[in-house]
Amino acid sequence: MPCNPDVVGRATLLSSCRVHGDMEIGKWAADSLIELEPQNPATYVLLSSLYAAKGTWNEVAQLRRGMRDKRVQKKPGYSWIKYKGKVHVFFADDQSSPFLGQIYAELEKLNCKMIEEGYIPDMSSVLHDVEESEKIKMLNHHSKKLVIAFGLIFVLPGLPIRVIKNLRVSGDCHNATKFISKITQRKILVRDAVRFHLFKDGTCSCGDFW
């Protein structure tokens, strides 16, 4: 590189390596980030997704042990949306909403349409060595998908669906949201821990770099 990138630049590089599966450069970016910010869990999560995509679960386990040894704690992911003056918060596989039946029915309908349009679940976003069917269930019930389903049900057509997420959006959720924006013809504005994303007509304003 012609210049020495800062933390943001290295994190963007690592995220790009996750998208393109470049383990060598991704490992370098992760190591340099861990040296600069050893307590930032986002770096470990991104590197874990690289290892998971390659199926190297021993490396994932070793990385988790390293996090425990360094007392690096990953915050639980959650997403929220404001509707009629009230904030509705969702965690992965959430069972607390009074609109549970409607939300999961909407998700099931969306998932069928997404698959018809060519959506393929990104298994590397699941950092657990479990059966494929369990991975698909975990992906389908991400907090961001739940909150988007809520928005599709209750936010008036023509208005954008505004979502906030406390962590970086996963690769699968990012891809799924592009499909949802195309299928439903709705604008979906997401603020995650890194940046704003405007999903519209099957594309995202970030250009798939976040």
N, C-alpha and C. Protein backbone atom coordinates (compact mmCIF):
# COMPACT_ATOMS: atom_id res chain seq x y z
N MET A 1 0.84 -1.20 0.00
CA MET A 1 0.00 0.00 0.00
C MET A 1 0.88 1.25 0.00
N PRO A 2 0.48 2.31 -0.72
CA PRO A 2 1.29 3.53 -0.78
C PRO A 2 1.29 4.29 0.55
N CYS A 3 0.34 4.00 1.44
CA CYS A 3 0.28 4.67 2.73
C CYS A 3 -0.06 3.64 3.80
N ASN A 4 0.20 4.00 5.04
CA ASN A 4 -0.09 3.10 6.15
C ASN A 4 -1.55 3.30 6.57
N PRO A 5 -2.43 2.32 6.31
CA PRO A 5 -3.85 2.52 6.59
C PRO A 5 -4.13 2.59 8.08
N ASP A 6 -5.17 3.36 8.45
CA ASP A 6 -5.57 3.45 9.85
C ASP A 6 -6.48 2.27 10.19
N VAL A 7 -7.06 2.30 11.39
CA VAL A 7 -7.90 1.19 11.85
C VAL A 7 -9.10 0.99 10.92
N VAL A 8 -9.73 2.09 10.51
CA VAL A 8 -10.90 1.99 9.63
C VAL A 8 -10.51 1.35 8.30
N GLY A 9 -9.38 1.77 7.75
CA GLY A 9 -8.91 1.22 6.48
C GLY A 9 -8.62 -0.26 6.58
N ARG A 10 -7.98 -0.67 7.67
CA ARG A 10 -7.66 -2.09 7.85
C ARG A 10 -8.92 -2.92 8.07
N ALA A 11 -9.88 -2.36 8.80
CA ALA A 11 -11.13 -3.08 9.03
C ALA A 11 -11.91 -3.25 7.72
N THR A 12 -11.89 -2.21 6.88
CA THR A 12 -12.55 -2.30 5.57
C THR A 12 -11.86 -3.36 4.70
N LEU A 13 -10.54 -3.39 4.76
CA LEU A 13 -9.78 -4.40 4.02
C LEU A 13 -10.14 -5.81 4.49
N LEU A 14 -10.22 -5.99 5.80
CA LEU A 14 -10.57 -7.30 6.34
C LEU A 14 -11.97 -7.71 5.92
N SER A 15 -12.89 -6.78 5.95
CA SER A 15 -14.26 -7.07 5.51
C SER A 15 -14.30 -7.45 4.04
N SER A 16 -13.50 -6.77 3.23
CA SER A 16 -13.44 -7.10 1.80
C SER A 16 -12.86 -8.49 1.59
N CYS A 17 -11.87 -8.85 2.38
CA CYS A 17 -11.28 -10.19 2.29
C CYS A 17 -12.30 -11.26 2.66
N ARG A 18 -13.18 -10.93 3.61
CA ARG A 18 -14.25 -11.87 3.97
C ARG A 18 -15.18 -12.09 2.79
N VAL A 19 -15.50 -11.00 2.09
CA VAL A 19 -16.41 -11.09 0.94
C VAL A 19 -15.77 -11.92 -0.18
N HIS A 20 -14.47 -11.70 -0.42
CA HIS A 20 -13.79 -12.33 -1.56
C HIS A 20 -13.02 -13.60 -1.17
N GLY A 21 -13.04 -13.95 0.11
CA GLY A 21 -12.39 -15.19 0.53
C GLY A 21 -10.89 -15.16 0.47
N ASP A 22 -10.27 -13.99 0.62
CA ASP A 22 -8.81 -13.88 0.56
C ASP A 22 -8.22 -14.07 1.95
N MET A 23 -7.82 -15.31 2.24
CA MET A 23 -7.35 -15.63 3.58
C MET A 23 -6.02 -14.97 3.92
N GLU A 24 -5.11 -14.92 2.96
CA GLU A 24 -3.76 -14.40 3.23
C GLU A 24 -3.79 -12.93 3.64
N ILE A 25 -4.41 -12.11 2.81
CA ILE A 25 -4.48 -10.68 3.13
C ILE A 25 -5.39 -10.45 4.34
N GLY A 26 -6.47 -11.23 4.44
CA GLY A 26 -7.38 -11.10 5.57
C GLY A 26 -6.69 -11.38 6.89
N LYS A 27 -5.85 -12.41 6.91
CA LYS A 27 -5.11 -12.75 8.14
C LYS A 27 -4.15 -11.62 8.51
N TRP A 28 -3.50 -11.04 7.51
CA TRP A 28 -2.58 -9.93 7.77
C TRP A 28 -3.36 -8.74 8.35
N ALA A 29 -4.50 -8.41 7.73
CA ALA A 29 -5.30 -7.28 8.21
C ALA A 29 -5.79 -7.52 9.63
N ALA A 30 -6.24 -8.76 9.91
CA ALA A 30 -6.74 -9.09 11.24
C ALA A 30 -5.62 -9.00 12.29
N ASP A 31 -4.47 -9.55 11.98
CA ASP A 31 -3.34 -9.51 12.93
C ASP A 31 -2.95 -8.07 13.26
N SER A 32 -2.95 -7.21 12.23
CA SER A 32 -2.57 -5.81 12.47
C SER A 32 -3.64 -5.09 13.28
N LEU A 33 -4.91 -5.43 13.05
CA LEU A 33 -5.99 -4.83 13.83
C LEU A 33 -5.96 -5.29 15.28
N ILE A 34 -5.69 -6.58 15.49
CA ILE A 34 -5.62 -7.10 16.86
C ILE A 34 -4.47 -6.45 17.62
N GLU A 35 -3.39 -6.17 16.91
CA GLU A 35 -2.25 -5.48 17.54
C GLU A 35 -2.63 -4.06 17.94
N LEU A 36 -3.44 -3.38 17.09
CA LEU A 36 -3.84 -2.00 17.36
C LEU A 36 -4.98 -1.92 18.37
N GLU A 37 -5.95 -2.85 18.24
CA GLU A 37 -7.13 -2.85 19.11
C GLU A 37 -7.40 -4.27 19.60
N PRO A 38 -6.62 -4.74 20.56
CA PRO A 38 -6.74 -6.14 21.00
C PRO A 38 -8.06 -6.48 21.66
N GLN A 39 -8.83 -5.48 22.10
CA GLN A 39 -10.10 -5.76 22.79
C GLN A 39 -11.32 -5.53 21.90
N ASN A 40 -11.10 -5.30 20.61
CA ASN A 40 -12.23 -5.07 19.71
C ASN A 40 -12.73 -6.42 19.17
N PRO A 41 -13.93 -6.85 19.57
CA PRO A 41 -14.42 -8.17 19.17
C PRO A 41 -14.74 -8.27 17.68
N ALA A 42 -14.99 -7.14 17.01
CA ALA A 42 -15.38 -7.17 15.60
C ALA A 42 -14.30 -7.83 14.74
N THR A 43 -13.04 -7.59 15.07
CA THR A 43 -11.94 -8.18 14.30
C THR A 43 -11.97 -9.70 14.40
N TYR A 44 -12.18 -10.21 15.60
CA TYR A 44 -12.21 -11.65 15.81
C TYR A 44 -13.40 -12.29 15.07
N VAL A 45 -14.52 -11.59 15.07
CA VAL A 45 -15.71 -12.11 14.39
C VAL A 45 -15.48 -12.19 12.89
N LEU A 46 -14.90 -11.14 12.30
CA LEU A 46 -14.64 -11.14 10.87
C LEU A 46 -13.64 -12.23 10.48
N LEU A 47 -12.59 -12.38 11.29
CA LEU A 47 -11.61 -13.41 11.00
C LEU A 47 -12.24 -14.80 11.17
N SER A 48 -13.09 -14.95 12.16
CA SER A 48 -13.79 -16.23 12.36
C SER A 48 -14.63 -16.59 11.14
N SER A 49 -15.28 -15.58 10.55
CA SER A 49 -16.11 -15.85 9.37
C SER A 49 -15.27 -16.29 8.18
N LEU A 50 -14.04 -15.76 8.09
CA LEU A 50 -13.12 -16.21 7.04
C LEU A 50 -12.78 -17.69 7.24
N TYR A 51 -12.44 -18.04 8.48
CA TYR A 51 -12.11 -19.44 8.78
C TYR A 51 -13.33 -20.34 8.57
N ALA A 52 -14.51 -19.87 8.98
CA ALA A 52 -15.72 -20.67 8.84
C ALA A 52 -16.03 -20.93 7.38
N ALA A 53 -15.80 -19.92 6.52
CA ALA A 53 -16.06 -20.08 5.09
C ALA A 53 -15.16 -21.15 4.49
N LYS A 54 -13.96 -21.30 5.04
CA LYS A 54 -13.02 -22.32 4.55
C LYS A 54 -13.23 -23.66 5.24
N GLY A 55 -14.12 -23.69 6.25
CA GLY A 55 -14.37 -24.93 6.96
C GLY A 55 -13.28 -25.33 7.93
N THR A 56 -12.43 -24.37 8.30
CA THR A 56 -11.34 -24.66 9.25
C THR A 56 -11.83 -24.37 10.67
N TRP A 57 -12.63 -25.28 11.19
CA TRP A 57 -13.27 -25.07 12.49
C TRP A 57 -12.29 -25.11 13.65
N ASN A 58 -11.16 -25.78 13.46
CA ASN A 58 -10.12 -25.76 14.51
C ASN A 58 -9.58 -24.35 14.71
N GLU A 59 -9.45 -23.61 13.60
CA GLU A 59 -8.98 -22.22 13.69
C GLU A 59 -10.04 -21.35 14.37
N VAL A 60 -11.30 -21.60 14.07
CA VAL A 60 -12.38 -20.85 14.73
C VAL A 60 -12.34 -21.10 16.23
N ALA A 61 -12.20 -22.36 16.62
CA ALA A 61 -12.16 -22.71 18.05
C ALA A 61 -10.95 -22.07 18.72
N GLN A 62 -9.81 -22.08 18.03
CA GLN A 62 -8.60 -21.49 18.60
C GLN A 62 -8.77 -19.98 18.78
N LEU A 63 -9.44 -19.35 17.82
CA LEU A 63 -9.68 -17.91 17.92
C LEU A 63 -10.59 -17.59 19.10
N ARG A 64 -11.60 -18.43 19.31
CA ARG A 64 -12.50 -18.23 20.46
C ARG A 64 -11.75 -18.40 21.77
N ARG A 65 -10.86 -19.37 21.82
CA ARG A 65 -10.05 -19.54 23.05
C ARG A 65 -9.19 -18.32 23.29
N GLY A 66 -8.65 -17.76 22.21
CA GLY A 66 -7.84 -16.55 22.33
C GLY A 66 -8.66 -15.38 22.86
N MET A 67 -9.90 -15.29 22.41
CA MET A 67 -10.79 -14.24 22.92
C MET A 67 -11.05 -14.42 24.41
N ARG A 68 -11.29 -15.66 24.82
CA ARG A 68 -11.53 -15.92 26.25
C ARG A 68 -10.30 -15.59 27.08
N ASP A 69 -9.13 -15.99 26.58
CA ASP A 69 -7.89 -15.74 27.31
C ASP A 69 -7.64 -14.24 27.48
N LYS A 70 -7.99 -13.47 26.45
CA LYS A 70 -7.79 -12.02 26.49
C LYS A 70 -8.99 -11.29 27.08
N ARG A 71 -10.01 -12.06 27.46
CA ARG A 71 -11.25 -11.51 28.03
C ARG A 71 -11.92 -10.53 27.08
N VAL A 72 -11.89 -10.90 25.80
CA VAL A 72 -12.60 -10.12 24.79
C VAL A 72 -14.03 -10.65 24.71
N GLN A 73 -15.00 -9.81 24.93
CA GLN A 73 -16.39 -10.25 24.96
C GLN A 73 -17.15 -9.70 23.76
N LYS A 74 -17.83 -10.60 23.06
CA LYS A 74 -18.66 -10.21 21.93
C LYS A 74 -20.06 -9.87 22.43
N LYS A 75 -20.49 -8.66 22.14
CA LYS A 75 -21.83 -8.25 22.55
C LYS A 75 -22.88 -9.03 21.76
N PRO A 76 -23.99 -9.38 22.41
CA PRO A 76 -25.06 -10.03 21.65
C PRO A 76 -25.64 -9.06 20.62
N GLY A 77 -25.87 -9.56 19.42
CA GLY A 77 -26.40 -8.70 18.37
C GLY A 77 -27.89 -8.46 18.54
N TYR A 78 -28.31 -7.24 18.30
CA TYR A 78 -29.74 -6.92 18.30
C TYR A 78 -30.01 -5.77 17.34
N SER A 79 -31.24 -5.69 16.91
CA SER A 79 -31.67 -4.64 15.98
C SER A 79 -32.95 -4.02 16.50
N TRP A 80 -33.19 -2.77 16.13
CA TRP A 80 -34.42 -2.14 16.58
C TRP A 80 -34.97 -1.18 15.54
N ILE A 81 -36.26 -0.91 15.69
CA ILE A 81 -36.97 -0.03 14.79
C ILE A 81 -37.96 0.79 15.63
N LYS A 82 -38.15 2.03 15.24
CA LYS A 82 -39.09 2.89 15.95
C LYS A 82 -40.38 2.96 15.15
N TYR A 83 -41.49 2.68 15.84
CA TYR A 83 -42.79 2.70 15.17
C TYR A 83 -43.84 3.29 16.11
N LYS A 84 -44.50 4.34 15.64
CA LYS A 84 -45.52 5.04 16.43
C LYS A 84 -45.00 5.44 17.81
N GLY A 85 -43.79 5.98 17.84
CA GLY A 85 -43.20 6.49 19.08
C GLY A 85 -42.64 5.44 20.01
N LYS A 86 -42.69 4.17 19.62
CA LYS A 86 -42.19 3.09 20.47
C LYS A 86 -41.05 2.36 19.79
N VAL A 87 -40.01 2.02 20.56
CA VAL A 87 -38.86 1.29 20.02
C VAL A 87 -39.10 -0.21 20.18
N HIS A 88 -38.99 -0.94 19.09
CA HIS A 88 -39.18 -2.39 19.09
C HIS A 88 -37.81 -3.03 18.87
N VAL A 89 -37.36 -3.79 19.87
CA VAL A 89 -36.02 -4.40 19.84
C VAL A 89 -36.14 -5.90 19.59
N PHE A 90 -35.26 -6.41 18.72
CA PHE A 90 -35.26 -7.83 18.39
C PHE A 90 -33.86 -8.41 18.53
N PHE A 91 -33.78 -9.58 19.15
CA PHE A 91 -32.57 -10.38 19.19
C PHE A 91 -32.73 -11.56 18.23
N ALA A 92 -31.65 -12.27 17.95
CA ALA A 92 -31.73 -13.44 17.08
C ALA A 92 -32.69 -14.47 17.68
N ASP A 93 -33.53 -15.05 16.82
CA ASP A 93 -34.49 -16.08 17.22
C ASP A 93 -35.42 -15.56 18.33
N ASP A 94 -35.76 -14.28 18.24
CA ASP A 94 -36.55 -13.62 19.29
C ASP A 94 -37.94 -14.25 19.42
N GLN A 95 -38.38 -14.43 20.66
CA GLN A 95 -39.70 -14.99 20.94
C GLN A 95 -40.54 -14.05 21.80
N SER A 96 -40.11 -12.80 21.93
CA SER A 96 -40.73 -11.90 22.90
C SER A 96 -41.79 -10.97 22.30
N SER A 97 -41.79 -10.80 20.98
CA SER A 97 -42.70 -9.82 20.39
C SER A 97 -44.14 -10.32 20.42
N PRO A 98 -45.09 -9.43 20.70
CA PRO A 98 -46.51 -9.83 20.65
C PRO A 98 -46.98 -10.08 19.21
N PHE A 99 -46.14 -9.70 18.23
CA PHE A 99 -46.48 -9.89 16.81
C PHE A 99 -45.71 -11.06 16.21
N LEU A 100 -45.30 -11.98 17.07
CA LEU A 100 -44.42 -13.08 16.68
C LEU A 100 -44.95 -13.86 15.47
N GLY A 101 -46.22 -14.27 15.51
CA GLY A 101 -46.79 -15.06 14.43
C GLY A 101 -46.73 -14.35 13.10
N GLN A 102 -47.09 -13.07 13.09
CA GLN A 102 -47.07 -12.28 11.86
C GLN A 102 -45.66 -12.13 11.32
N ILE A 103 -44.70 -11.91 12.22
CA ILE A 103 -43.31 -11.67 11.81
C ILE A 103 -42.71 -12.92 11.18
N TYR A 104 -42.87 -14.06 11.83
CA TYR A 104 -42.27 -15.28 11.29
C TYR A 104 -42.99 -15.74 10.02
N ALA A 105 -44.28 -15.46 9.91
CA ALA A 105 -45.01 -15.78 8.68
C ALA A 105 -44.49 -14.91 7.53
N GLU A 106 -44.23 -13.63 7.82
CA GLU A 106 -43.68 -12.72 6.81
C GLU A 106 -42.29 -13.17 6.39
N LEU A 107 -41.48 -13.60 7.35
CA LEU A 107 -40.13 -14.09 7.03
C LEU A 107 -40.18 -15.32 6.14
N GLU A 108 -41.08 -16.24 6.45
CA GLU A 108 -41.21 -17.46 5.65
C GLU A 108 -41.60 -17.12 4.22
N LYS A 109 -42.53 -16.21 4.06
CA LYS A 109 -42.96 -15.78 2.73
C LYS A 109 -41.81 -15.11 1.97
N LEU A 110 -41.09 -14.24 2.67
CA LEU A 110 -39.95 -13.57 2.05
C LEU A 110 -38.87 -14.55 1.63
N ASN A 111 -38.58 -15.52 2.49
CA ASN A 111 -37.52 -16.47 2.22
C ASN A 111 -37.82 -17.27 0.95
N CYS A 112 -39.07 -17.68 0.78
CA CYS A 112 -39.47 -18.42 -0.42
C CYS A 112 -39.25 -17.57 -1.68
N LYS A 113 -39.66 -16.31 -1.61
CA LYS A 113 -39.49 -15.41 -2.75
C LYS A 113 -38.01 -15.14 -3.03
N MET A 114 -37.21 -14.99 -1.97
CA MET A 114 -35.78 -14.74 -2.13
C MET A 114 -35.09 -15.90 -2.83
N ILE A 115 -35.43 -17.11 -2.42
CA ILE A 115 -34.83 -18.30 -3.04
C ILE A 115 -35.20 -18.38 -4.52
N GLU A 116 -36.44 -18.03 -4.84
CA GLU A 116 -36.88 -18.00 -6.24
C GLU A 116 -36.07 -16.99 -7.05
N GLU A 117 -35.65 -15.91 -6.39
CA GLU A 117 -34.88 -14.86 -7.07
C GLU A 117 -33.38 -15.18 -7.13
N GLY A 118 -32.96 -16.27 -6.49
CA GLY A 118 -31.55 -16.66 -6.57
C GLY A 118 -30.76 -16.50 -5.29
N TYR A 119 -31.42 -16.15 -4.19
CA TYR A 119 -30.72 -16.00 -2.91
C TYR A 119 -30.18 -17.34 -2.42
N ILE A 120 -28.92 -17.34 -2.01
CA ILE A 120 -28.28 -18.52 -1.43
C ILE A 120 -27.77 -18.14 -0.04
N PRO A 121 -28.23 -18.80 1.01
CA PRO A 121 -27.76 -18.47 2.36
C PRO A 121 -26.24 -18.56 2.47
N ASP A 122 -25.65 -17.58 3.13
CA ASP A 122 -24.20 -17.54 3.32
C ASP A 122 -23.85 -18.25 4.62
N MET A 123 -23.49 -19.53 4.50
CA MET A 123 -23.23 -20.34 5.69
C MET A 123 -22.03 -19.84 6.50
N SER A 124 -21.13 -19.10 5.84
CA SER A 124 -19.95 -18.61 6.56
C SER A 124 -20.31 -17.59 7.62
N SER A 125 -21.54 -17.04 7.55
CA SER A 125 -21.99 -16.09 8.57
C SER A 125 -22.36 -16.78 9.88
N VAL A 126 -22.48 -18.12 9.84
CA VAL A 126 -22.77 -18.89 11.06
C VAL A 126 -21.46 -19.43 11.60
N LEU A 127 -21.05 -18.94 12.74
CA LEU A 127 -19.74 -19.30 13.28
C LEU A 127 -19.83 -20.48 14.25
N HIS A 128 -20.65 -21.47 13.87
CA HIS A 128 -20.81 -22.67 14.68
C HIS A 128 -20.78 -23.88 13.77
N ASP A 129 -20.10 -24.92 14.20
CA ASP A 129 -19.99 -26.14 13.42
C ASP A 129 -21.19 -27.03 13.70
N VAL A 130 -22.32 -26.70 13.02
CA VAL A 130 -23.57 -27.43 13.22
C VAL A 130 -24.10 -27.89 11.87
N GLU A 131 -25.18 -28.68 11.89
CA GLU A 131 -25.77 -29.17 10.66
C GLU A 131 -26.27 -28.01 9.79
N GLU A 132 -26.31 -28.25 8.48
CA GLU A 132 -26.70 -27.20 7.54
C GLU A 132 -28.11 -26.69 7.82
N SER A 133 -29.03 -27.59 8.15
CA SER A 133 -30.40 -27.18 8.43
C SER A 133 -30.47 -26.23 9.61
N GLU A 134 -29.63 -26.48 10.63
CA GLU A 134 -29.58 -25.60 11.80
C GLU A 134 -28.97 -24.25 11.43
N LYS A 135 -27.96 -24.26 10.56
CA LYS A 135 -27.36 -23.00 10.11
C LYS A 135 -28.39 -22.14 9.37
N ILE A 136 -29.19 -22.78 8.51
CA ILE A 136 -30.21 -22.04 7.76
C ILE A 136 -31.23 -21.41 8.71
N LYS A 137 -31.63 -22.17 9.72
CA LYS A 137 -32.58 -21.64 10.70
C LYS A 137 -31.98 -20.44 11.44
N MET A 138 -30.71 -20.54 11.82
CA MET A 138 -30.05 -19.44 12.53
C MET A 138 -29.98 -18.20 11.65
N LEU A 139 -29.68 -18.40 10.37
CA LEU A 139 -29.61 -17.27 9.45
C LEU A 139 -30.98 -16.63 9.25
N ASN A 140 -32.01 -17.46 9.11
CA ASN A 140 -33.36 -16.95 8.85
C ASN A 140 -33.90 -16.12 10.02
N HIS A 141 -33.38 -16.39 11.21
CA HIS A 141 -33.92 -15.73 12.41
C HIS A 141 -32.97 -14.67 12.98
N HIS A 142 -32.06 -14.13 12.14
CA HIS A 142 -31.21 -13.03 12.59
C HIS A 142 -32.06 -11.85 13.01
N SER A 143 -31.57 -11.08 13.95
CA SER A 143 -32.35 -9.95 14.47
C SER A 143 -32.71 -8.95 13.38
N LYS A 144 -31.79 -8.72 12.43
CA LYS A 144 -32.06 -7.73 11.39
C LYS A 144 -33.19 -8.18 10.47
N LYS A 145 -33.25 -9.47 10.17
CA LYS A 145 -34.34 -9.98 9.33
C LYS A 145 -35.68 -9.87 10.07
N LEU A 146 -35.66 -10.12 11.37
CA LEU A 146 -36.89 -10.01 12.16
C LEU A 146 -37.41 -8.57 12.16
N VAL A 147 -36.50 -7.63 12.34
CA VAL A 147 -36.93 -6.23 12.43
C VAL A 147 -37.38 -5.71 11.06
N ILE A 148 -36.76 -6.19 9.99
CA ILE A 148 -37.19 -5.80 8.65
C ILE A 148 -38.59 -6.36 8.37
N ALA A 149 -38.83 -7.60 8.78
CA ALA A 149 -40.15 -8.19 8.61
C ALA A 149 -41.19 -7.37 9.36
N PHE A 150 -40.85 -6.94 10.57
CA PHE A 150 -41.75 -6.07 11.35
C PHE A 150 -42.05 -4.79 10.56
N GLY A 151 -41.01 -4.19 10.00
CA GLY A 151 -41.18 -2.96 9.24
C GLY A 151 -42.05 -3.15 8.01
N LEU A 152 -41.88 -4.27 7.32
CA LEU A 152 -42.69 -4.54 6.14
C LEU A 152 -44.17 -4.68 6.50
N ILE A 153 -44.43 -5.22 7.69
CA ILE A 153 -45.82 -5.42 8.13
C ILE A 153 -46.48 -4.10 8.55
N PHE A 154 -45.73 -3.26 9.29
CA PHE A 154 -46.36 -2.12 9.95
C PHE A 154 -46.04 -0.75 9.35
N VAL A 155 -44.87 -0.58 8.71
CA VAL A 155 -44.54 0.73 8.13
C VAL A 155 -45.30 0.89 6.82
N LEU A 156 -45.95 2.01 6.67
CA LEU A 156 -46.80 2.24 5.50
C LEU A 156 -46.03 2.12 4.19
N PRO A 157 -46.63 1.51 3.17
CA PRO A 157 -45.99 1.43 1.85
C PRO A 157 -45.59 2.82 1.36
N GLY A 158 -44.43 2.89 0.72
CA GLY A 158 -43.92 4.17 0.24
C GLY A 158 -42.97 4.84 1.19
N LEU A 159 -43.03 4.47 2.48
CA LEU A 159 -42.10 5.02 3.47
C LEU A 159 -40.91 4.09 3.63
N PRO A 160 -39.71 4.64 3.86
CA PRO A 160 -38.55 3.77 4.06
C PRO A 160 -38.62 3.06 5.40
N ILE A 161 -38.04 1.88 5.45
CA ILE A 161 -37.94 1.12 6.70
C ILE A 161 -36.57 1.44 7.31
N ARG A 162 -36.57 2.03 8.49
CA ARG A 162 -35.33 2.48 9.13
C ARG A 162 -34.97 1.54 10.28
N VAL A 163 -33.79 0.93 10.16
CA VAL A 163 -33.35 -0.08 11.12
C VAL A 163 -32.00 0.32 11.70
N ILE A 164 -31.82 0.07 12.98
CA ILE A 164 -30.52 0.29 13.64
C ILE A 164 -30.05 -1.03 14.22
N LYS A 165 -28.77 -1.33 14.01
CA LYS A 165 -28.18 -2.57 14.52
C LYS A 165 -26.92 -2.21 15.31
N ASN A 166 -26.73 -2.88 16.46
CA ASN A 166 -25.61 -2.51 17.33
C ASN A 166 -24.27 -3.05 16.85
N LEU A 167 -24.27 -4.06 15.97
CA LEU A 167 -23.03 -4.65 15.46
C LEU A 167 -22.95 -4.45 13.95
N ARG A 168 -21.81 -4.83 13.39
CA ARG A 168 -21.65 -4.82 11.94
C ARG A 168 -22.63 -5.83 11.31
N VAL A 169 -23.28 -5.44 10.24
CA VAL A 169 -24.21 -6.33 9.55
C VAL A 169 -23.45 -7.53 8.99
N SER A 170 -24.01 -8.72 9.17
CA SER A 170 -23.37 -9.93 8.66
C SER A 170 -23.49 -9.98 7.14
N GLY A 171 -22.62 -10.78 6.53
CA GLY A 171 -22.64 -10.91 5.08
C GLY A 171 -23.96 -11.46 4.57
N ASP A 172 -24.51 -12.44 5.27
CA ASP A 172 -25.78 -13.03 4.83
C ASP A 172 -26.92 -12.02 4.94
N CYS A 173 -27.00 -11.31 6.06
CA CYS A 173 -28.07 -10.33 6.24
C CYS A 173 -27.97 -9.21 5.21
N HIS A 174 -26.74 -8.81 4.91
CA HIS A 174 -26.54 -7.76 3.90
C HIS A 174 -27.06 -8.22 2.55
N ASN A 175 -26.69 -9.41 2.16
CA ASN A 175 -27.14 -9.95 0.88
C ASN A 175 -28.66 -10.15 0.86
N ALA A 176 -29.19 -10.69 1.95
CA ALA A 176 -30.64 -10.93 2.03
C ALA A 176 -31.42 -9.63 1.93
N THR A 177 -30.91 -8.57 2.56
CA THR A 177 -31.63 -7.29 2.54
C THR A 177 -31.67 -6.71 1.13
N LYS A 178 -30.63 -6.96 0.35
CA LYS A 178 -30.67 -6.52 -1.06
C LYS A 178 -31.80 -7.22 -1.79
N PHE A 179 -31.93 -8.52 -1.58
CA PHE A 179 -33.01 -9.27 -2.22
C PHE A 179 -34.37 -8.77 -1.75
N ILE A 180 -34.50 -8.51 -0.44
CA ILE A 180 -35.78 -8.05 0.11
C ILE A 180 -36.17 -6.70 -0.48
N SER A 181 -35.20 -5.80 -0.62
CA SER A 181 -35.50 -4.48 -1.18
C SER A 181 -35.99 -4.60 -2.62
N LYS A 182 -35.44 -5.56 -3.35
CA LYS A 182 -35.86 -5.76 -4.74
C LYS A 182 -37.24 -6.39 -4.82
N ILE A 183 -37.48 -7.41 -4.01
CA ILE A 183 -38.75 -8.14 -4.04
C ILE A 183 -39.92 -7.26 -3.61
N THR A 184 -39.69 -6.49 -2.54
CA THR A 184 -40.78 -5.68 -1.97
C THR A 184 -40.86 -4.28 -2.55
N GLN A 185 -39.80 -3.87 -3.29
CA GLN A 185 -39.74 -2.51 -3.82
C GLN A 185 -39.84 -1.48 -2.69
N ARG A 186 -39.13 -1.79 -1.58
CA ARG A 186 -39.09 -0.87 -0.44
C ARG A 186 -37.65 -0.41 -0.22
N LYS A 187 -37.49 0.85 0.17
CA LYS A 187 -36.19 1.34 0.61
C LYS A 187 -35.98 0.92 2.05
N ILE A 188 -34.80 0.37 2.34
CA ILE A 188 -34.47 -0.07 3.70
C ILE A 188 -33.18 0.62 4.11
N LEU A 189 -33.26 1.46 5.11
CA LEU A 189 -32.09 2.21 5.60
C LEU A 189 -31.61 1.55 6.89
N VAL A 190 -30.37 1.11 6.87
CA VAL A 190 -29.80 0.40 8.03
C VAL A 190 -28.58 1.16 8.54
N ARG A 191 -28.56 1.41 9.83
CA ARG A 191 -27.38 1.98 10.48
C ARG A 191 -26.78 0.89 11.35
N ASP A 192 -25.60 0.39 10.96
CA ASP A 192 -24.95 -0.61 11.80
C ASP A 192 -23.78 0.03 12.54
N ALA A 193 -22.91 -0.77 13.14
CA ALA A 193 -21.82 -0.23 13.95
C ALA A 193 -20.75 0.46 13.12
N VAL A 194 -20.82 0.31 11.80
CA VAL A 194 -19.76 0.84 10.93
C VAL A 194 -20.24 2.01 10.08
N ARG A 195 -21.43 1.88 9.48
CA ARG A 195 -21.86 2.90 8.52
C ARG A 195 -23.36 2.82 8.26
N PHE A 196 -23.83 3.73 7.40
CA PHE A 196 -25.20 3.67 6.91
C PHE A 196 -25.25 2.83 5.64
N HIS A 197 -26.34 2.09 5.48
CA HIS A 197 -26.59 1.32 4.27
C HIS A 197 -27.97 1.69 3.75
N LEU A 198 -28.06 2.07 2.49
CA LEU A 198 -29.36 2.30 1.87
C LEU A 198 -29.59 1.20 0.84
N PHE A 199 -30.53 0.32 1.13
CA PHE A 199 -30.86 -0.77 0.23
C PHE A 199 -32.04 -0.34 -0.65
N LYS A 200 -31.86 -0.49 -1.95
CA LYS A 200 -32.89 -0.07 -2.89
C LYS A 200 -32.75 -0.86 -4.18
N ASP A 201 -33.85 -1.46 -4.65
CA ASP A 201 -33.88 -2.17 -5.93
C ASP A 201 -32.78 -3.23 -6.04
N GLY A 202 -32.47 -3.89 -4.93
CA GLY A 202 -31.51 -4.98 -4.98
C GLY A 202 -30.05 -4.59 -4.87
N THR A 203 -29.78 -3.33 -4.54
CA THR A 203 -28.39 -2.88 -4.37
C THR A 203 -28.26 -2.16 -3.03
N CYS A 204 -27.00 -1.94 -2.62
CA CYS A 204 -26.73 -1.20 -1.39
C CYS A 204 -25.79 -0.05 -1.68
N SER A 205 -25.99 1.06 -1.02
CA SER A 205 -25.19 2.26 -1.22
C SER A 205 -23.72 2.04 -0.88
N CYS A 206 -23.41 1.03 -0.06
CA CYS A 206 -22.02 0.80 0.34
C CYS A 206 -21.22 0.10 -0.75
N GLY A 207 -21.89 -0.39 -1.79
CA GLY A 207 -21.18 -1.09 -2.85
C GLY A 207 -20.61 -2.41 -2.40
N ASP A 208 -21.20 -2.98 -1.32
CA ASP A 208 -20.77 -4.26 -0.75
C ASP A 208 -19.40 -4.17 -0.07
N PHE A 209 -19.03 -2.99 0.39
CA PHE A 209 -17.81 -2.80 1.17
C PHE A 209 -18.20 -2.09 2.47
N TRP A 210 -18.09 -2.79 3.59
CA TRP A 210 -18.46 -2.21 4.88
C TRP A 210 -17.69 -2.85 6.01
